[in-house]
Amino acid sequence: MTERSGLHYVSRVTRRIFAAMSAASSPIQSFIGKTVVITGASSGIGAEAARQLARRDAVVCLIARREEELRAVQAEIQAEGGEAHIYPTDLADPKSVDACCEKLLAEHERIDVLVNNAGRSIRRPLIESVGRMHDFERTMQINYFAAVRMTLNLLPRFRQQGHGHVVNVSSVAALMSTPRFAAYLASKAALDAFTRSMRIELAEHGIDATTINYPLVKTAMTEPTKVYKYLPQMEVADAAGWILDAIARRPARRTTPLATGFLLATSAVPGPALKLFAEFYKRRLEKAQQKMRTDQAG
């Protein structure tokens, strides 16, 4: 396969997989009796997952920094007859995370699932990152250290119960070596590795761990990057459905076929694969930017 034909094939597959995403999950059963903790639950995927879980009888515990937004999500759920508890928490502050977990454990005798959904993204080339070490530190704090701290704080309860499930939200970018996102990719790759270790070590205790590597999702996090409007994006409701499906099925990973293909290619032939992908991303971005310029001119 030539470089040009390889790029054409990858682009074609990209378009096709989004058509199949909404139908990828089978109908979800009731989650009655389950208590699910969700970080980043004040908006976007986390808030929508909380709504969908509550409609299927789960008790949801909502964690985020913004208390007003948490209360709004809680009110929506309660208006539909669901049960939701809120825990305003600054996930960038270890003491705040510890206090949140202490309160969770005190108020809920049973906790079945932890969804580490909160995340921070940053798009900046490495050359422009010189002198900006804080970009990497802040991203790691939210995307990795907060998730690990939440997990370790709830792990003793999972062991005591004899069951538990941790769902860690990641990105296809961690599998596809996306340029200009080094800080974000590194934090998500760390979380992916942590999740794999959990799955191996904790299975004998009845504790599962799942990674969800999402494609681009249309959320407030992606809104500031205007060019994303011209790229394929997953709807928030569908993305939330992946969380429900993960809780029901407890797989090791949920992602797109394209991301899996990228991962296999970079593992088998990293040099040629990364060269091909660099050109693919360049052309894809140029095409999206051209569409954006055309719209702006019109």
C-alpha atoms as a PDB file:
ATOM      1  CA  MET A   1       0.000   0.000   0.000  1.00  0.00           C
ATOM      2  CA  THR A   2       1.402   3.395  -0.986  1.00  0.00           C
ATOM      3  CA  GLU A   3       1.436   6.359   1.401  1.00  0.00           C
ATOM      4  CA  ARG A   4      -1.290   8.124  -0.605  1.00  0.00           C
ATOM      5  CA  SER A   5      -3.540   5.053  -0.784  1.00  0.00           C
ATOM      6  CA  GLY A   6      -2.976   4.432   2.912  1.00  0.00           C
ATOM      7  CA  LEU A   7      -4.105   7.969   3.721  1.00  0.00           C
ATOM      8  CA  HIS A   8      -7.175   7.534   1.521  1.00  0.00           C
ATOM      9  CA  TYR A   9      -8.091   4.292   3.292  1.00  0.00           C
ATOM     10  CA  VAL A  10      -7.718   5.794   6.790  1.00  0.00           C
ATOM     11  CA  SER A  11      -9.811   8.811   5.804  1.00  0.00           C
ATOM     12  CA  ARG A  12     -12.553   6.553   4.380  1.00  0.00           C
ATOM     13  CA  VAL A  13     -12.669   4.440   7.530  1.00  0.00           C
ATOM     14  CA  THR A  14     -12.875   7.591   9.669  1.00  0.00           C
ATOM     15  CA  ARG A  15     -16.044   8.676   7.887  1.00  0.00           C
ATOM     16  CA  ARG A  16     -17.667   5.267   8.158  1.00  0.00           C
ATOM     17  CA  ILE A  17     -17.125   4.543  11.836  1.00  0.00           C
ATOM     18  CA  PHE A  18     -19.118   7.546  13.002  1.00  0.00           C
ATOM     19  CA  ALA A  19     -22.168   6.251  11.142  1.00  0.00           C
ATOM     20  CA  ALA A  20     -22.004   3.055  13.188  1.00  0.00           C
ATOM     21  CA  MET A  21     -21.307   4.554  16.625  1.00  0.00           C
ATOM     22  CA  SER A  22     -24.878   5.232  17.683  1.00  0.00           C
ATOM     23  CA  ALA A  23     -25.845   1.628  16.928  1.00  0.00           C
ATOM     24  CA  ALA A  24     -22.773   0.132  18.587  1.00  0.00           C
ATOM     25  CA  SER A  25     -24.331  -0.332  22.013  1.00  0.00           C
ATOM     26  CA  SER A  26     -27.116  -2.776  22.721  1.00  0.00           C
ATOM     27  CA  PRO A  27     -30.053  -1.750  24.941  1.00  0.00           C
ATOM     28  CA  ILE A  28     -28.938  -1.287  28.542  1.00  0.00           C
ATOM     29  CA  GLN A  29     -30.666  -3.006  31.435  1.00  0.00           C
ATOM     30  CA  SER A  30     -31.737  -1.313  34.634  1.00  0.00           C
ATOM     31  CA  PHE A  31     -29.017  -0.340  37.116  1.00  0.00           C
ATOM     32  CA  ILE A  32     -31.335  -0.537  40.110  1.00  0.00           C
ATOM     33  CA  GLY A  33     -29.411  -0.904  43.356  1.00  0.00           C
ATOM     34  CA  LYS A  34     -26.161   0.443  41.948  1.00  0.00           C
ATOM     35  CA  THR A  35     -24.426   3.550  43.265  1.00  0.00           C
ATOM     36  CA  VAL A  36     -22.287   5.259  40.634  1.00  0.00           C
ATOM     37  CA  VAL A  37     -19.775   8.022  41.351  1.00  0.00           C
ATOM     38  CA  ILE A  38     -19.005  10.324  38.403  1.00  0.00           C
ATOM     39  CA  THR A  39     -16.368  13.057  38.278  1.00  0.00           C
ATOM     40  CA  GLY A  40     -16.713  15.947  35.869  1.00  0.00           C
ATOM     41  CA  ALA A  41     -20.477  15.618  36.274  1.00  0.00           C
ATOM     42  CA  SER A  42     -21.502  19.275  36.050  1.00  0.00           C
ATOM     43  CA  SER A  43     -21.662  19.311  32.244  1.00  0.00           C
ATOM     44  CA  GLY A  44     -20.911  17.426  29.047  1.00  0.00           C
ATOM     45  CA  ILE A  45     -20.454  13.658  29.038  1.00  0.00           C
ATOM     46  CA  GLY A  46     -20.462  13.342  32.831  1.00  0.00           C
ATOM     47  CA  ALA A  47     -23.747  15.186  33.307  1.00  0.00           C
ATOM     48  CA  GLU A  48     -25.436  13.292  30.473  1.00  0.00           C
ATOM     49  CA  ALA A  49     -24.183   9.936  31.773  1.00  0.00           C
ATOM     50  CA  ALA A  50     -25.607  10.826  35.197  1.00  0.00           C
ATOM     51  CA  ARG A  51     -28.999  11.596  33.639  1.00  0.00           C
ATOM     52  CA  GLN A  52     -29.050   8.358  31.659  1.00  0.00           C
ATOM     53  CA  LEU A  53     -27.955   6.271  34.637  1.00  0.00           C
ATOM     54  CA  ALA A  54     -30.568   7.847  36.916  1.00  0.00           C
ATOM     55  CA  ARG A  55     -33.277   7.093  34.336  1.00  0.00           C
ATOM     56  CA  ARG A  56     -32.217   3.461  34.625  1.00  0.00           C
ATOM     57  CA  ASP A  57     -32.570   3.485  38.426  1.00  0.00           C
ATOM     58  CA  ALA A  58     -28.956   4.036  39.503  1.00  0.00           C
ATOM     59  CA  VAL A  59     -28.131   6.281  42.444  1.00  0.00           C
ATOM     60  CA  VAL A  60     -25.642   8.821  41.103  1.00  0.00           C
ATOM     61  CA  CYS A  61     -23.047  10.807  43.040  1.00  0.00           C
ATOM     62  CA  LEU A  62     -21.959  13.883  41.102  1.00  0.00           C
ATOM     63  CA  ILE A  63     -18.503  15.419  41.545  1.00  0.00           C
ATOM     64  CA  ALA A  64     -17.231  18.651  40.011  1.00  0.00           C
ATOM     65  CA  ARG A  65     -15.837  22.020  41.026  1.00  0.00           C
ATOM     66  CA  ARG A  66     -18.856  24.126  40.065  1.00  0.00           C
ATOM     67  CA  GLU A  67     -21.545  23.700  42.721  1.00  0.00           C
ATOM     68  CA  GLU A  68     -24.231  25.710  40.927  1.00  0.00           C
ATOM     69  CA  GLU A  69     -23.969  23.562  37.805  1.00  0.00           C
ATOM     70  CA  LEU A  70     -23.974  20.388  39.910  1.00  0.00           C
ATOM     71  CA  ARG A  71     -27.187  21.500  41.602  1.00  0.00           C
ATOM     72  CA  ALA A  72     -28.773  22.137  38.214  1.00  0.00           C
ATOM     73  CA  VAL A  73     -27.970  18.584  37.059  1.00  0.00           C
ATOM     74  CA  GLN A  74     -29.200  17.210  40.388  1.00  0.00           C
ATOM     75  CA  ALA A  75     -32.473  19.138  40.026  1.00  0.00           C
ATOM     76  CA  GLU A  76     -33.024  17.734  36.517  1.00  0.00           C
ATOM     77  CA  ILE A  77     -32.510  14.193  37.759  1.00  0.00           C
ATOM     78  CA  GLN A  78     -34.753  14.656  40.776  1.00  0.00           C
ATOM     79  CA  ALA A  79     -37.480  16.206  38.616  1.00  0.00           C
ATOM     80  CA  GLU A  80     -37.545  12.951  36.647  1.00  0.00           C
ATOM     81  CA  GLY A  81     -37.818  10.908  39.844  1.00  0.00           C
ATOM     82  CA  GLY A  82     -34.148   9.927  40.092  1.00  0.00           C
ATOM     83  CA  GLU A  83     -31.757  10.044  43.027  1.00  0.00           C
ATOM     84  CA  ALA A  84     -28.647  12.236  42.807  1.00  0.00           C
ATOM     85  CA  HIS A  85     -26.179  13.490  45.405  1.00  0.00           C
ATOM     86  CA  ILE A  86     -23.663  16.259  44.792  1.00  0.00           C
ATOM     87  CA  TYR A  87     -20.106  16.692  46.063  1.00  0.00           C
ATOM     88  CA  PRO A  88     -18.509  19.996  45.013  1.00  0.00           C
ATOM     89  CA  THR A  89     -14.796  19.209  44.806  1.00  0.00           C
ATOM     90  CA  ASP A  90     -11.668  20.781  43.375  1.00  0.00           C
ATOM     91  CA  LEU A  91     -10.011  17.782  41.742  1.00  0.00           C
ATOM     92  CA  ALA A  92      -6.794  19.769  41.348  1.00  0.00           C
ATOM     93  CA  ASP A  93      -6.507  19.892  45.171  1.00  0.00           C
ATOM     94  CA  PRO A  94      -5.528  16.546  46.785  1.00  0.00           C
ATOM     95  CA  LYS A  95      -7.028  17.565  50.133  1.00  0.00           C
ATOM     96  CA  SER A  96     -10.341  18.382  48.473  1.00  0.00           C
ATOM     97  CA  VAL A  97     -10.350  14.989  46.737  1.00  0.00           C
ATOM     98  CA  ASP A  98      -9.620  13.176  50.000  1.00  0.00           C
ATOM     99  CA  ALA A  99     -12.391  15.066  51.803  1.00  0.00           C
ATOM    100  CA  CYS A 100     -14.838  14.233  49.004  1.00  0.00           C
ATOM    101  CA  CYS A 101     -14.021  10.521  49.195  1.00  0.00           C
ATOM    102  CA  GLU A 102     -14.321  10.519  52.969  1.00  0.00           C
ATOM    103  CA  LYS A 103     -17.802  12.006  52.677  1.00  0.00           C
ATOM    104  CA  LEU A 104     -18.798   9.566  49.933  1.00  0.00           C
ATOM    105  CA  LEU A 105     -17.752   6.580  52.008  1.00  0.00           C
ATOM    106  CA  ALA A 106     -19.551   7.909  55.083  1.00  0.00           C
ATOM    107  CA  GLU A 107     -22.812   8.586  53.261  1.00  0.00           C
ATOM    108  CA  HIS A 108     -23.013   5.506  51.022  1.00  0.00           C
ATOM    109  CA  GLU A 109     -22.697   2.034  52.452  1.00  0.00           C
ATOM    110  CA  ARG A 110     -22.287   0.641  48.957  1.00  0.00           C
ATOM    111  CA  ILE A 111     -20.405   2.141  46.001  1.00  0.00           C
ATOM    112  CA  ASP A 112     -20.450   0.023  42.861  1.00  0.00           C
ATOM    113  CA  VAL A 113     -18.825   2.098  40.149  1.00  0.00           C
ATOM    114  CA  LEU A 114     -16.380   4.992  39.921  1.00  0.00           C
ATOM    115  CA  VAL A 115     -16.320   6.872  36.612  1.00  0.00           C
ATOM    116  CA  ASN A 116     -13.216   9.066  36.361  1.00  0.00           C
ATOM    117  CA  ASN A 117     -14.559  11.366  33.660  1.00  0.00           C
ATOM    118  CA  ALA A 118     -13.164  14.784  34.633  1.00  0.00           C
ATOM    119  CA  GLY A 119     -10.496  15.988  32.263  1.00  0.00           C
ATOM    120  CA  ARG A 120      -8.397  18.893  31.097  1.00  0.00           C
ATOM    121  CA  SER A 121      -7.185  19.332  27.522  1.00  0.00           C
ATOM    122  CA  ILE A 122      -4.569  21.589  26.015  1.00  0.00           C
ATOM    123  CA  ARG A 123      -3.535  21.962  22.378  1.00  0.00           C
ATOM    124  CA  ARG A 124      -0.054  23.397  21.977  1.00  0.00           C
ATOM    125  CA  PRO A 125       2.942  22.363  19.835  1.00  0.00           C
ATOM    126  CA  LEU A 126       6.001  21.207  21.749  1.00  0.00           C
ATOM    127  CA  ILE A 127       8.116  24.043  20.364  1.00  0.00           C
ATOM    128  CA  GLU A 128       5.672  26.518  21.889  1.00  0.00           C
ATOM    129  CA  SER A 129       5.648  24.587  25.182  1.00  0.00           C
ATOM    130  CA  VAL A 130       9.181  25.607  26.143  1.00  0.00           C
ATOM    131  CA  GLY A 131       8.967  27.431  29.466  1.00  0.00           C
ATOM    132  CA  ARG A 132       5.420  26.154  30.056  1.00  0.00           C
ATOM    133  CA  MET A 133       6.044  23.121  32.260  1.00  0.00           C
ATOM    134  CA  HIS A 134       2.916  24.075  34.175  1.00  0.00           C
ATOM    135  CA  ASP A 135       0.819  22.974  31.172  1.00  0.00           C
ATOM    136  CA  PHE A 136       2.032  19.413  31.706  1.00  0.00           C
ATOM    137  CA  GLU A 137       1.749  19.533  35.503  1.00  0.00           C
ATOM    138  CA  ARG A 138      -1.814  20.876  35.524  1.00  0.00           C
ATOM    139  CA  THR A 139      -2.952  18.389  32.900  1.00  0.00           C
ATOM    140  CA  MET A 140      -1.435  15.470  34.803  1.00  0.00           C
ATOM    141  CA  GLN A 141      -3.043  16.670  38.029  1.00  0.00           C
ATOM    142  CA  ILE A 142      -6.591  16.472  36.674  1.00  0.00           C
ATOM    143  CA  ASN A 143      -6.327  13.699  34.108  1.00  0.00           C
ATOM    144  CA  TYR A 144      -4.091  11.310  36.032  1.00  0.00           C
ATOM    145  CA  PHE A 145      -3.356  12.087  39.685  1.00  0.00           C
ATOM    146  CA  ALA A 146      -6.950  13.012  40.595  1.00  0.00           C
ATOM    147  CA  ALA A 147      -8.263   9.829  38.980  1.00  0.00           C
ATOM    148  CA  VAL A 148      -5.656   7.703  40.752  1.00  0.00           C
ATOM    149  CA  ARG A 149      -6.407   9.383  44.095  1.00  0.00           C
ATOM    150  CA  MET A 150     -10.149   8.840  43.697  1.00  0.00           C
ATOM    151  CA  THR A 151      -9.534   5.199  42.818  1.00  0.00           C
ATOM    152  CA  LEU A 152      -7.168   4.447  45.680  1.00  0.00           C
ATOM    153  CA  ASN A 153      -9.489   6.119  48.180  1.00  0.00           C
ATOM    154  CA  LEU A 154     -12.435   3.939  47.111  1.00  0.00           C
ATOM    155  CA  LEU A 155     -10.436   0.745  46.590  1.00  0.00           C
ATOM    156  CA  PRO A 156     -10.713  -0.487  50.225  1.00  0.00           C
ATOM    157  CA  ARG A 157     -14.528  -0.257  49.988  1.00  0.00           C
ATOM    158  CA  PHE A 158     -14.503  -2.244  46.756  1.00  0.00           C
ATOM    159  CA  ARG A 159     -12.377  -4.928  48.397  1.00  0.00           C
ATOM    160  CA  GLN A 160     -14.626  -5.010  51.454  1.00  0.00           C
ATOM    161  CA  GLN A 161     -17.689  -5.442  49.230  1.00  0.00           C
ATOM    162  CA  GLY A 162     -15.995  -8.052  47.073  1.00  0.00           C
ATOM    163  CA  HIS A 163     -16.873  -6.133  43.915  1.00  0.00           C
ATOM    164  CA  GLY A 164     -16.312  -2.795  42.195  1.00  0.00           C
ATOM    165  CA  HIS A 165     -15.711  -1.251  38.823  1.00  0.00           C
ATOM    166  CA  VAL A 166     -13.572   1.722  37.760  1.00  0.00           C
ATOM    167  CA  VAL A 167     -14.287   3.324  34.376  1.00  0.00           C
ATOM    168  CA  ASN A 168     -11.519   5.677  33.277  1.00  0.00           C
ATOM    169  CA  VAL A 169     -12.316   8.091  30.479  1.00  0.00           C
ATOM    170  CA  SER A 170      -9.500   8.541  28.004  1.00  0.00           C
ATOM    171  CA  SER A 171      -9.172   9.475  24.347  1.00  0.00           C
ATOM    172  CA  VAL A 172      -8.354   7.907  21.005  1.00  0.00           C
ATOM    173  CA  ALA A 173      -5.530  10.452  20.983  1.00  0.00           C
ATOM    174  CA  ALA A 174      -3.702   8.258  23.504  1.00  0.00           C
ATOM    175  CA  LEU A 175      -3.774   5.430  20.936  1.00  0.00           C
ATOM    176  CA  MET A 176      -3.254   7.473  17.783  1.00  0.00           C
ATOM    177  CA  SER A 177      -0.297   9.748  18.670  1.00  0.00           C
ATOM    178  CA  THR A 178      -2.109  12.957  17.779  1.00  0.00           C
ATOM    179  CA  PRO A 179       0.255  15.914  17.209  1.00  0.00           C
ATOM    180  CA  ARG A 180       0.089  19.146  19.262  1.00  0.00           C
ATOM    181  CA  PHE A 181      -1.424  17.419  22.295  1.00  0.00           C
ATOM    182  CA  ALA A 182       1.700  16.100  24.052  1.00  0.00           C
ATOM    183  CA  ALA A 183       0.621  17.153  27.568  1.00  0.00           C
ATOM    184  CA  TYR A 184      -2.873  15.741  27.144  1.00  0.00           C
ATOM    185  CA  LEU A 185      -1.686  12.530  25.472  1.00  0.00           C
ATOM    186  CA  ALA A 186       0.919  11.841  28.149  1.00  0.00           C
ATOM    187  CA  SER A 187      -1.655  12.200  30.936  1.00  0.00           C
ATOM    188  CA  LYS A 188      -4.152   9.915  29.204  1.00  0.00           C
ATOM    189  CA  ALA A 189      -1.473   7.348  28.342  1.00  0.00           C
ATOM    190  CA  ALA A 190      -0.541   7.245  32.034  1.00  0.00           C
ATOM    191  CA  LEU A 191      -4.188   6.701  32.961  1.00  0.00           C
ATOM    192  CA  ASP A 192      -4.496   3.932  30.354  1.00  0.00           C
ATOM    193  CA  ALA A 193      -1.452   2.139  31.794  1.00  0.00           C
ATOM    194  CA  PHE A 194      -2.807   2.495  35.339  1.00  0.00           C
ATOM    195  CA  THR A 195      -6.130   1.007  34.222  1.00  0.00           C
ATOM    196  CA  ARG A 196      -4.424  -2.005  32.658  1.00  0.00           C
ATOM    197  CA  SER A 197      -2.494  -2.625  35.877  1.00  0.00           C
ATOM    198  CA  MET A 198      -5.720  -2.451  37.862  1.00  0.00           C
ATOM    199  CA  ARG A 199      -7.418  -4.936  35.582  1.00  0.00           C
ATOM    200  CA  ILE A 200      -4.585  -7.434  36.039  1.00  0.00           C
ATOM    201  CA  GLU A 201      -4.042  -6.991  39.773  1.00  0.00           C
ATOM    202  CA  LEU A 202      -7.588  -6.611  41.062  1.00  0.00           C
ATOM    203  CA  ALA A 203      -9.568  -9.176  39.067  1.00  0.00           C
ATOM    204  CA  GLU A 204      -9.142 -11.775  41.806  1.00  0.00           C
ATOM    205  CA  HIS A 205     -10.878  -9.372  44.202  1.00  0.00           C
ATOM    206  CA  GLY A 206     -13.915  -8.974  41.946  1.00  0.00           C
ATOM    207  CA  ILE A 207     -12.843  -5.497  40.816  1.00  0.00           C
ATOM    208  CA  ASP A 208     -12.876  -4.572  37.128  1.00  0.00           C
ATOM    209  CA  ALA A 209     -11.313  -1.644  35.296  1.00  0.00           C
ATOM    210  CA  THR A 210     -12.318  -0.238  31.919  1.00  0.00           C
ATOM    211  CA  THR A 211     -10.746   2.380  29.672  1.00  0.00           C
ATOM    212  CA  ILE A 212     -12.977   4.353  27.303  1.00  0.00           C
ATOM    213  CA  ASN A 213     -10.912   5.916  24.522  1.00  0.00           C
ATOM    214  CA  TYR A 214     -13.354   8.412  23.028  1.00  0.00           C
ATOM    215  CA  PRO A 215     -13.081   9.962  19.591  1.00  0.00           C
ATOM    216  CA  LEU A 216     -13.645  13.716  19.329  1.00  0.00           C
ATOM    217  CA  VAL A 217     -16.844  14.566  21.236  1.00  0.00           C
ATOM    218  CA  LYS A 218     -18.850  17.771  20.805  1.00  0.00           C
ATOM    219  CA  THR A 219     -18.505  19.332  24.285  1.00  0.00           C
ATOM    220  CA  ALA A 220     -17.585  22.641  25.925  1.00  0.00           C
ATOM    221  CA  MET A 221     -13.987  21.379  26.045  1.00  0.00           C
ATOM    222  CA  THR A 222     -13.779  21.175  22.247  1.00  0.00           C
ATOM    223  CA  GLU A 223     -15.811  24.319  21.523  1.00  0.00           C
ATOM    224  CA  PRO A 224     -12.907  26.845  21.793  1.00  0.00           C
ATOM    225  CA  THR A 225     -11.022  25.091  18.974  1.00  0.00           C
ATOM    226  CA  LYS A 226     -13.056  26.388  16.031  1.00  0.00           C
ATOM    227  CA  VAL A 227     -11.550  24.020  13.470  1.00  0.00           C
ATOM    228  CA  TYR A 228     -13.123  21.063  15.330  1.00  0.00           C
ATOM    229  CA  LYS A 229     -16.461  22.159  13.879  1.00  0.00           C
ATOM    230  CA  TYR A 230     -15.207  20.842  10.551  1.00  0.00           C
ATOM    231  CA  LEU A 231     -14.091  17.450  11.864  1.00  0.00           C
ATOM    232  CA  PRO A 232     -16.263  14.416  12.699  1.00  0.00           C
ATOM    233  CA  GLN A 233     -17.554  14.675  16.273  1.00  0.00           C
ATOM    234  CA  MET A 234     -19.490  12.276  18.452  1.00  0.00           C
ATOM    235  CA  GLU A 235     -22.662  13.577  20.128  1.00  0.00           C
ATOM    236  CA  VAL A 236     -22.627  13.848  23.931  1.00  0.00           C
ATOM    237  CA  ALA A 237     -25.652  11.550  24.343  1.00  0.00           C
ATOM    238  CA  ASP A 238     -23.912   8.793  22.383  1.00  0.00           C
ATOM    239  CA  ALA A 239     -20.699   9.290  24.357  1.00  0.00           C
ATOM    240  CA  ALA A 240     -22.620   8.979  27.626  1.00  0.00           C
ATOM    241  CA  GLY A 241     -24.146   5.781  26.287  1.00  0.00           C
ATOM    242  CA  TRP A 242     -20.656   4.310  26.044  1.00  0.00           C
ATOM    243  CA  ILE A 243     -20.288   4.761  29.799  1.00  0.00           C
ATOM    244  CA  LEU A 244     -23.536   2.913  30.466  1.00  0.00           C
ATOM    245  CA  ASP A 245     -22.486   0.162  28.089  1.00  0.00           C
ATOM    246  CA  ALA A 246     -19.103  -0.100  29.827  1.00  0.00           C
ATOM    247  CA  ILE A 247     -20.775  -0.419  33.221  1.00  0.00           C
ATOM    248  CA  ALA A 248     -23.081  -3.134  31.901  1.00  0.00           C
ATOM    249  CA  ARG A 249     -20.437  -5.134  30.002  1.00  0.00           C
ATOM    250  CA  ARG A 250     -17.257  -4.316  31.997  1.00  0.00           C
ATOM    251  CA  PRO A 251     -14.858  -4.637  29.036  1.00  0.00           C
ATOM    252  CA  ALA A 252     -11.144  -3.864  29.257  1.00  0.00           C
ATOM    253  CA  ARG A 253     -11.481  -1.145  26.605  1.00  0.00           C
ATOM    254  CA  ARG A 254     -14.093   0.641  24.524  1.00  0.00           C
ATOM    255  CA  THR A 255     -12.940   2.636  21.514  1.00  0.00           C
ATOM    256  CA  THR A 256     -13.331   2.957  17.746  1.00  0.00           C
ATOM    257  CA  PRO A 257     -12.062   0.479  15.153  1.00  0.00           C
ATOM    258  CA  LEU A 258      -9.905   3.227  13.657  1.00  0.00           C
ATOM    259  CA  ALA A 259      -8.136   3.883  16.955  1.00  0.00           C
ATOM    260  CA  THR A 260      -7.523   0.159  17.402  1.00  0.00           C
ATOM    261  CA  GLY A 261      -6.033   0.023  13.919  1.00  0.00           C
ATOM    262  CA  PHE A 262      -3.716   2.948  14.679  1.00  0.00           C
ATOM    263  CA  LEU A 263      -2.590   1.276  17.909  1.00  0.00           C
ATOM    264  CA  LEU A 264      -1.804  -2.009  16.172  1.00  0.00           C
ATOM    265  CA  ALA A 265       0.049  -0.247  13.357  1.00  0.00           C
ATOM    266  CA  THR A 266       2.233   1.855  15.676  1.00  0.00           C
ATOM    267  CA  SER A 267       3.005  -1.235  17.762  1.00  0.00           C
ATOM    268  CA  ALA A 268       3.960  -3.380  14.761  1.00  0.00           C
ATOM    269  CA  VAL A 269       5.788  -0.848  12.560  1.00  0.00           C
ATOM    270  CA  PRO A 270       6.150   2.382  14.562  1.00  0.00           C
ATOM    271  CA  GLY A 271       8.480   4.224  12.198  1.00  0.00           C
ATOM    272  CA  PRO A 272       6.469   3.912   8.961  1.00  0.00           C
ATOM    273  CA  ALA A 273       3.158   4.140  10.811  1.00  0.00           C
ATOM    274  CA  LEU A 274       3.996   7.400  12.578  1.00  0.00           C
ATOM    275  CA  LYS A 275       5.261   8.892   9.316  1.00  0.00           C
ATOM    276  CA  LEU A 276       1.993   7.949   7.621  1.00  0.00           C
ATOM    277  CA  PHE A 277      -0.100   9.290  10.480  1.00  0.00           C
ATOM    278  CA  ALA A 278       1.790  12.600  10.546  1.00  0.00           C
ATOM    279  CA  GLU A 279       0.899  13.156   6.907  1.00  0.00           C
ATOM    280  CA  PHE A 280      -2.675  12.018   7.521  1.00  0.00           C
ATOM    281  CA  TYR A 281      -3.148  14.536  10.344  1.00  0.00           C
ATOM    282  CA  LYS A 282      -1.546  17.301   8.304  1.00  0.00           C
ATOM    283  CA  ARG A 283      -3.879  16.778   5.359  1.00  0.00           C
ATOM    284  CA  ARG A 284      -6.923  16.318   7.563  1.00  0.00           C
ATOM    285  CA  LEU A 285      -6.206  19.590   9.393  1.00  0.00           C
ATOM    286  CA  GLU A 286      -5.542  21.454   6.146  1.00  0.00           C
ATOM    287  CA  LYS A 287      -8.866  20.257   4.742  1.00  0.00           C
ATOM    288  CA  ALA A 288     -10.759  21.331   7.871  1.00  0.00           C
ATOM    289  CA  GLN A 289      -9.028  24.731   7.897  1.00  0.00           C
ATOM    290  CA  GLN A 290      -9.933  25.256   4.244  1.00  0.00           C
ATOM    291  CA  LYS A 291     -13.593  24.561   5.027  1.00  0.00           C
ATOM    292  CA  MET A 292     -13.433  27.023   7.912  1.00  0.00           C
ATOM    293  CA  ARG A 293     -11.884  29.744   5.734  1.00  0.00           C
ATOM    294  CA  THR A 294     -14.534  29.174   3.071  1.00  0.00           C
ATOM    295  CA  ASP A 295     -17.325  29.557   5.615  1.00  0.00           C
ATOM    296  CA  GLN A 296     -15.768  32.693   7.075  1.00  0.00           C
ATOM    297  CA  ALA A 297     -15.329  34.239   3.626  1.00  0.00           C
ATOM    298  CA  GLY A 298     -18.928  33.481   2.745  1.00  0.00           C
END
